[in-house]
Amino acid sequence: MTHLACIMDGNRRWATQQGLLSFLGHRKGLDAVKLVIDFCLSKKISYLSLYTYSTENLKNRSPHEQHYLFEVLAHEAARELEEFKRKNVRMKFVGDRTLFPATVQPLCERIEQETADCSALQVNFLLCYGGRQEIVDTTKRIAQQVAEGRINAENITLEVFENNLWTTDTPPPDLIIRTGAQHRLSNFLLYQCAYSELYFLDCMWPDISMHDLERARTYYDTCRKMFGK
């Protein structure tokens, strides 16, 4: 397996079950993020994509919760920066950056710059991300290239399209894990997941364990990958 992707569902429900304020589940969920990063490193998985905050979340979460999530994620990543570099982990933030809070944009850029040469694992945090929005934005940018005469419409291929995606430097996910007892993609990597295996867990994201990850990996290894053959 080269690329593992996770839909990190259930942080808020986990907090509610614990009698905590719902958005405090996001902080607990960061422990699970570290667990999955260590799992990928131990299995020599090269890419990990984490569905952190969708464009739909922006519409359905309070400004206070949004601010809390971005601040916690960015500052926790900064706090762990030296550890990431020691483990040779590259960090990237993928999504509509115009929607990132202004206070965290410089921090995200610094983290990306300081880990740019790390090569053991690339971790993509998908923030302000939506699969449909990515496809529309990619289409607009290719249309602009056609309008400017940089490419002919008849020369638009799958490769051209993929080179204009927000995830252009990341291969399609081999396996997508979703926690939270929901069985859908929820606008996650819609173009990239055409041949991904899907694995659903009933546990909330903060409760995911190494055993869960091992079972998911075993499931993936037993799947027949036909790719249309």
Protein backbone atom coordinates (compact mmCIF):
# COMPACT_ATOMS: atom_id res chain seq x y z
CA MET A 1 0.00 0.00 0.00
CA THR A 2 1.28 3.42 -0.99
CA HIS A 3 -1.48 5.80 0.12
CA LEU A 4 -3.84 5.52 3.08
CA ALA A 5 -6.67 8.03 3.45
CA CYS A 6 -8.91 8.53 6.48
CA ILE A 7 -12.27 10.21 6.99
CA MET A 8 -11.90 11.18 10.63
CA ASP A 9 -15.55 11.07 11.65
CA GLY A 10 -16.92 11.07 15.19
CA ASN A 11 -14.83 13.60 17.13
CA ARG A 12 -17.87 15.61 18.22
CA ARG A 13 -19.96 12.54 19.04
CA TRP A 14 -17.07 11.11 21.06
CA ALA A 15 -16.91 14.30 23.13
CA THR A 16 -20.66 14.25 23.72
CA GLN A 17 -20.47 10.64 24.89
CA GLN A 18 -17.77 11.70 27.37
CA GLY A 19 -19.89 14.59 28.66
CA LEU A 20 -17.55 17.18 27.14
CA LEU A 21 -18.17 20.19 24.94
CA SER A 22 -18.56 18.79 21.43
CA PHE A 23 -15.66 20.62 19.85
CA LEU A 24 -13.20 19.32 22.47
CA GLY A 25 -13.32 16.00 20.62
CA HIS A 26 -11.09 17.54 17.98
CA ARG A 27 -8.23 17.83 20.46
CA LYS A 28 -8.59 14.18 21.46
CA GLY A 29 -8.71 13.30 17.79
CA LEU A 30 -5.17 14.62 17.38
CA ASP A 31 -3.90 11.69 19.45
CA ALA A 32 -5.45 9.38 16.87
CA VAL A 33 -3.72 11.36 14.10
CA LYS A 34 -0.35 10.68 15.74
CA LEU A 35 -1.25 7.00 16.05
CA VAL A 36 -2.07 6.70 12.34
CA ILE A 37 1.11 8.56 11.39
CA ASP A 38 3.16 6.06 13.42
CA PHE A 39 1.25 3.19 11.81
CA CYS A 40 2.06 4.48 8.32
CA LEU A 41 5.73 4.91 9.22
CA SER A 42 5.91 1.36 10.61
CA LYS A 43 4.30 -0.06 7.44
CA LYS A 44 6.35 2.15 5.10
CA ILE A 45 3.22 3.74 3.66
CA SER A 46 4.35 6.81 1.73
CA TYR A 47 1.22 8.99 1.82
CA LEU A 48 -1.47 9.65 4.41
CA SER A 49 -4.44 11.94 3.67
CA LEU A 50 -6.66 13.05 6.55
CA TYR A 51 -10.09 14.58 5.94
CA THR A 52 -9.82 17.23 8.62
CA TYR A 53 -12.40 19.90 7.78
CA SER A 54 -14.77 19.97 4.83
CA THR A 55 -16.33 22.89 3.01
CA GLU A 56 -19.66 21.68 4.38
CA ASN A 57 -18.29 21.97 7.93
CA LEU A 58 -17.78 25.68 7.30
CA LYS A 59 -21.52 26.07 6.83
CA ASN A 60 -22.57 23.90 9.76
CA ARG A 61 -20.09 24.73 12.54
CA SER A 62 -20.10 27.80 14.73
CA PRO A 63 -17.36 30.41 14.17
CA HIS A 64 -16.08 29.63 17.67
CA GLU A 65 -15.68 25.92 16.88
CA GLN A 66 -14.07 26.66 13.52
CA HIS A 67 -11.57 29.01 15.13
CA TYR A 68 -10.81 26.44 17.85
CA LEU A 69 -10.23 23.61 15.36
CA PHE A 70 -7.89 25.60 13.13
CA GLU A 71 -5.94 27.03 16.04
CA VAL A 72 -5.57 23.66 17.76
CA LEU A 73 -4.51 21.88 14.58
CA ALA A 74 -2.04 24.53 13.44
CA HIS A 75 -0.44 25.07 16.83
CA GLU A 76 -0.28 21.35 17.62
CA ALA A 77 1.42 20.75 14.26
CA ALA A 78 3.87 23.57 15.04
CA ARG A 79 4.53 22.16 18.50
CA GLU A 80 5.28 18.73 16.99
CA LEU A 81 7.31 20.18 14.12
CA GLU A 82 10.71 19.01 15.36
CA GLU A 83 9.30 15.53 16.00
CA PHE A 84 7.89 15.41 12.48
CA LYS A 85 11.25 16.38 11.06
CA ARG A 86 13.01 13.80 13.24
CA LYS A 87 10.65 11.13 11.87
CA ASN A 88 11.18 12.45 8.32
CA VAL A 89 7.49 13.36 7.87
CA ARG A 90 6.42 15.99 5.35
CA MET A 91 3.30 17.99 6.21
CA LYS A 92 0.97 19.57 3.64
CA PHE A 93 -2.33 21.43 3.92
CA VAL A 94 -4.69 20.77 1.01
CA GLY A 95 -7.88 22.72 0.30
CA ASP A 96 -9.20 26.17 -0.47
CA ARG A 97 -6.63 28.33 1.29
CA THR A 98 -8.70 31.46 0.78
CA LEU A 99 -10.97 30.02 3.49
CA PHE A 100 -8.17 29.39 6.00
CA PRO A 101 -8.22 31.82 8.94
CA ALA A 102 -5.64 34.55 8.35
CA THR A 103 -4.03 33.81 11.71
CA VAL A 104 -3.05 30.25 10.75
CA GLN A 105 -2.04 30.69 7.10
CA PRO A 106 1.56 31.78 7.89
CA LEU A 107 1.92 28.91 10.34
CA CYS A 108 0.74 26.37 7.76
CA GLU A 109 3.20 27.77 5.23
CA ARG A 110 6.09 27.58 7.72
CA ILE A 111 5.29 23.97 8.59
CA GLU A 112 5.20 23.04 4.90
CA GLN A 113 8.47 24.82 4.18
CA GLU A 114 10.33 23.29 7.12
CA THR A 115 9.24 19.73 6.27
CA ALA A 116 9.51 20.04 2.48
CA ASP A 117 12.60 17.83 2.27
CA CYS A 118 11.22 15.04 4.48
CA SER A 119 10.61 11.85 2.54
CA ALA A 120 9.53 8.93 4.76
CA LEU A 121 5.84 9.95 4.79
CA GLN A 122 3.78 12.81 3.35
CA VAL A 123 0.79 13.73 5.49
CA ASN A 124 -1.94 15.74 3.77
CA PHE A 125 -4.35 17.58 6.06
CA LEU A 126 -7.44 18.30 3.95
CA LEU A 127 -8.82 21.57 5.28
CA CYS A 128 -11.67 23.58 3.76
CA TYR A 129 -11.76 20.74 1.27
CA GLY A 130 -14.54 19.30 -0.87
CA GLY A 131 -14.20 16.82 -3.71
CA ARG A 132 -16.80 18.55 -5.87
CA GLN A 133 -15.21 21.92 -5.22
CA GLU A 134 -11.80 20.54 -6.18
CA ILE A 135 -13.16 19.21 -9.48
CA VAL A 136 -14.87 22.53 -10.29
CA ASP A 137 -11.74 24.53 -9.41
CA THR A 138 -9.59 22.21 -11.53
CA THR A 139 -11.97 22.62 -14.47
CA LYS A 140 -11.86 26.40 -14.14
CA ARG A 141 -8.06 26.48 -14.13
CA ILE A 142 -7.81 24.24 -17.20
CA ALA A 143 -10.43 26.39 -18.96
CA GLN A 144 -8.31 29.45 -18.17
CA GLN A 145 -5.27 27.74 -19.69
CA VAL A 146 -7.28 27.03 -22.84
CA ALA A 147 -8.49 30.65 -22.98
CA GLU A 148 -4.91 31.87 -22.69
CA GLY A 149 -3.75 29.54 -25.47
CA ARG A 150 -1.45 27.51 -23.22
CA ILE A 151 -3.26 24.26 -24.06
CA ASN A 152 -5.66 23.12 -26.77
CA ALA A 153 -9.01 21.72 -25.66
CA GLU A 154 -8.45 18.51 -27.62
CA ASN A 155 -5.26 17.91 -25.67
CA ILE A 156 -6.99 17.77 -22.27
CA THR A 157 -6.31 14.28 -20.94
CA LEU A 158 -6.66 12.49 -17.64
CA GLU A 159 -3.02 13.34 -16.96
CA VAL A 160 -3.62 17.04 -17.62
CA PHE A 161 -6.64 17.03 -15.33
CA GLU A 162 -4.81 15.19 -12.56
CA ASN A 163 -1.87 17.58 -12.79
CA ASN A 164 -4.25 20.43 -11.96
CA LEU A 165 -5.91 18.82 -8.95
CA TRP A 166 -5.19 20.17 -5.46
CA THR A 167 -3.63 16.76 -4.74
CA THR A 168 -1.45 16.74 -7.85
CA ASP A 169 1.66 15.45 -6.06
CA THR A 170 -0.18 12.57 -4.34
CA PRO A 171 -1.20 9.24 -5.93
CA PRO A 172 -4.80 8.02 -5.57
CA PRO A 173 -5.59 6.40 -2.22
CA ASP A 174 -5.30 2.64 -2.12
CA LEU A 175 -7.49 2.37 0.98
CA ILE A 176 -9.96 4.80 2.56
CA ILE A 177 -10.88 4.21 6.21
CA ARG A 178 -13.92 5.93 7.68
CA THR A 179 -14.76 5.90 11.38
CA GLY A 180 -17.99 6.97 13.04
CA ALA A 181 -20.35 4.21 11.79
CA GLN A 182 -21.21 6.10 8.60
CA HIS A 183 -20.88 4.40 5.21
CA ARG A 184 -20.34 7.18 2.70
CA LEU A 185 -17.54 9.31 1.24
CA SER A 186 -19.03 12.70 2.16
CA ASN A 187 -17.39 14.60 -0.71
CA PHE A 188 -13.92 13.18 0.01
CA LEU A 189 -11.42 12.71 -2.85
CA LEU A 190 -14.23 12.00 -5.31
CA TYR A 191 -12.03 12.03 -8.41
CA GLN A 192 -9.13 10.19 -6.80
CA CYS A 193 -11.11 7.33 -5.20
CA ALA A 194 -12.25 5.62 -8.42
CA TYR A 195 -10.43 2.39 -7.54
CA SER A 196 -9.91 2.82 -3.79
CA GLU A 197 -10.90 0.09 -1.38
CA LEU A 198 -13.29 1.31 1.35
CA TYR A 199 -13.21 0.20 4.99
CA PHE A 200 -15.74 1.38 7.58
CA LEU A 201 -15.36 1.32 11.36
CA ASP A 202 -18.09 1.78 13.97
CA CYS A 203 -15.74 3.42 16.48
CA MET A 204 -15.40 7.18 16.74
CA TRP A 205 -12.16 8.65 15.39
CA PRO A 206 -10.56 9.30 18.82
CA ASP A 207 -11.02 5.60 19.67
CA ILE A 208 -9.31 4.15 16.59
CA SER A 209 -6.60 1.67 17.59
CA MET A 210 -3.58 -0.06 16.10
CA HIS A 211 -5.70 -3.21 16.02
CA ASP A 212 -8.30 -1.42 13.87
CA LEU A 213 -5.58 -0.24 11.50
CA GLU A 214 -4.05 -3.71 11.28
CA ARG A 215 -7.46 -5.21 10.44
CA ALA A 216 -7.98 -2.58 7.76
CA ARG A 217 -4.57 -3.33 6.30
CA THR A 218 -5.33 -7.07 6.30
CA TYR A 219 -8.65 -6.37 4.55
CA TYR A 220 -6.84 -4.36 1.88
CA ASP A 221 -4.28 -7.11 1.33
CA THR A 222 -7.06 -9.65 0.67
CA CYS A 223 -8.87 -7.50 -1.90
CA ARG A 224 -8.58 -8.42 -5.57
CA LYS A 225 -7.47 -5.37 -7.48
CA MET A 226 -8.76 -5.79 -11.02
CA PHE A 227 -8.73 -2.15 -12.23
CA GLY A 228 -11.31 -2.97 -14.90
CA LYS A 229 -9.61 -6.16 -16.14
